[in-house]
């Protein structure tokens, strides 16, 4: 087992979206990275918006930039983190 963080990228494929959809149904609504009705159609927008946030691209003055990472187990995404 090799646990590590991978920064979100526009090249991230469907397996990462599958994880988001799984996490969208997590019982603790505050731990969900996306709404419970999140779909594949929204995935590209999700990635672009997270990258804009990391780059401090047009953020309001009261919002702190954050980076988004996938928690990886070997080559498989198993979690999601923002720092």
Protein backbone atom coordinates (compact mmCIF):
# COMPACT_ATOMS: atom_id res chain seq x y z
CA UNK A 1 0.00 0.00 0.00
CA UNK A 2 1.38 3.37 -1.05
CA UNK A 3 -0.72 6.39 0.07
CA UNK A 4 0.08 9.74 -1.53
CA UNK A 5 -1.49 13.00 -2.76
CA UNK A 6 -1.97 13.81 -6.44
CA UNK A 7 -2.87 17.36 -7.39
CA UNK A 8 -6.08 17.71 -9.40
CA UNK A 9 -5.47 18.13 -13.12
CA UNK A 10 -7.56 18.75 -16.22
CA UNK A 11 -6.29 15.38 -17.47
CA UNK A 12 -7.89 13.43 -14.59
CA UNK A 13 -10.13 10.78 -16.09
CA UNK A 14 -13.47 9.16 -15.26
CA UNK A 15 -12.21 7.17 -12.25
CA UNK A 16 -11.76 10.45 -10.35
CA UNK A 17 -15.28 11.54 -11.23
CA UNK A 18 -16.56 8.14 -10.08
CA UNK A 19 -15.00 8.84 -6.69
CA UNK A 20 -16.66 12.27 -6.49
CA UNK A 21 -20.04 10.72 -7.27
CA UNK A 22 -19.45 8.12 -4.56
CA UNK A 23 -18.46 10.82 -2.05
CA UNK A 24 -21.50 12.92 -3.03
CA UNK A 25 -23.66 10.35 -1.26
CA UNK A 26 -21.62 10.37 1.94
CA UNK A 27 -23.92 10.63 4.99
CA UNK A 28 -22.12 13.69 6.43
CA UNK A 29 -23.26 16.50 4.14
CA UNK A 30 -20.37 18.74 5.29
CA UNK A 31 -17.78 16.20 4.12
CA UNK A 32 -19.13 16.03 0.56
CA UNK A 33 -16.91 17.70 -2.06
CA UNK A 34 -19.84 17.99 -4.51
CA UNK A 35 -23.65 18.05 -4.27
CA UNK A 36 -25.52 14.76 -4.09
CA UNK A 37 -26.85 15.24 -7.65
CA UNK A 38 -23.35 15.71 -9.17
CA UNK A 39 -23.02 14.17 -12.67
CA UNK A 40 -20.33 13.39 -15.25
CA UNK A 41 -21.51 16.40 -17.23
CA UNK A 42 -20.31 18.69 -14.44
CA UNK A 43 -16.89 17.10 -14.03
CA UNK A 44 -14.95 19.33 -16.46
CA UNK A 45 -16.41 22.45 -14.87
CA UNK A 46 -15.54 21.09 -11.42
CA UNK A 47 -11.89 20.57 -12.42
CA UNK A 48 -11.59 23.99 -14.05
CA UNK A 49 -13.17 25.78 -11.10
CA UNK A 50 -10.85 24.04 -8.60
CA UNK A 51 -7.81 24.95 -10.68
CA UNK A 52 -8.98 28.59 -10.88
CA UNK A 53 -9.36 28.60 -7.10
CA UNK A 54 -5.84 27.22 -6.63
CA UNK A 55 -4.46 29.91 -8.94
CA UNK A 56 -6.33 32.71 -7.12
CA UNK A 57 -8.09 33.48 -10.39
CA UNK A 58 -10.74 36.17 -9.76
CA UNK A 59 -11.48 35.08 -6.20
CA UNK A 60 -13.36 37.48 -3.94
CA UNK A 61 -11.12 39.21 -1.41
CA UNK A 62 -12.62 37.18 1.45
CA UNK A 63 -11.86 33.77 -0.15
CA UNK A 64 -8.58 31.97 0.46
CA UNK A 65 -7.09 30.05 -2.48
CA UNK A 66 -7.08 26.28 -1.96
CA UNK A 67 -5.46 23.40 -3.81
CA UNK A 68 -7.37 20.21 -4.51
CA UNK A 69 -5.75 16.80 -4.22
CA UNK A 70 -6.75 13.20 -4.72
CA UNK A 71 -5.75 10.82 -1.97
CA UNK A 72 -4.23 7.91 -3.86
CA UNK A 73 -3.64 4.30 -2.87
CA UNK A 74 -1.03 3.15 -5.34
CA UNK A 75 -2.68 4.25 -8.63
CA UNK A 76 -6.30 4.39 -7.45
CA UNK A 77 -8.05 7.47 -6.03
CA UNK A 78 -9.54 6.67 -2.61
CA UNK A 79 -10.19 10.15 -1.22
CA UNK A 80 -10.29 13.88 -1.78
CA UNK A 81 -8.57 16.72 0.06
CA UNK A 82 -8.36 20.49 -0.16
CA UNK A 83 -5.55 22.43 1.44
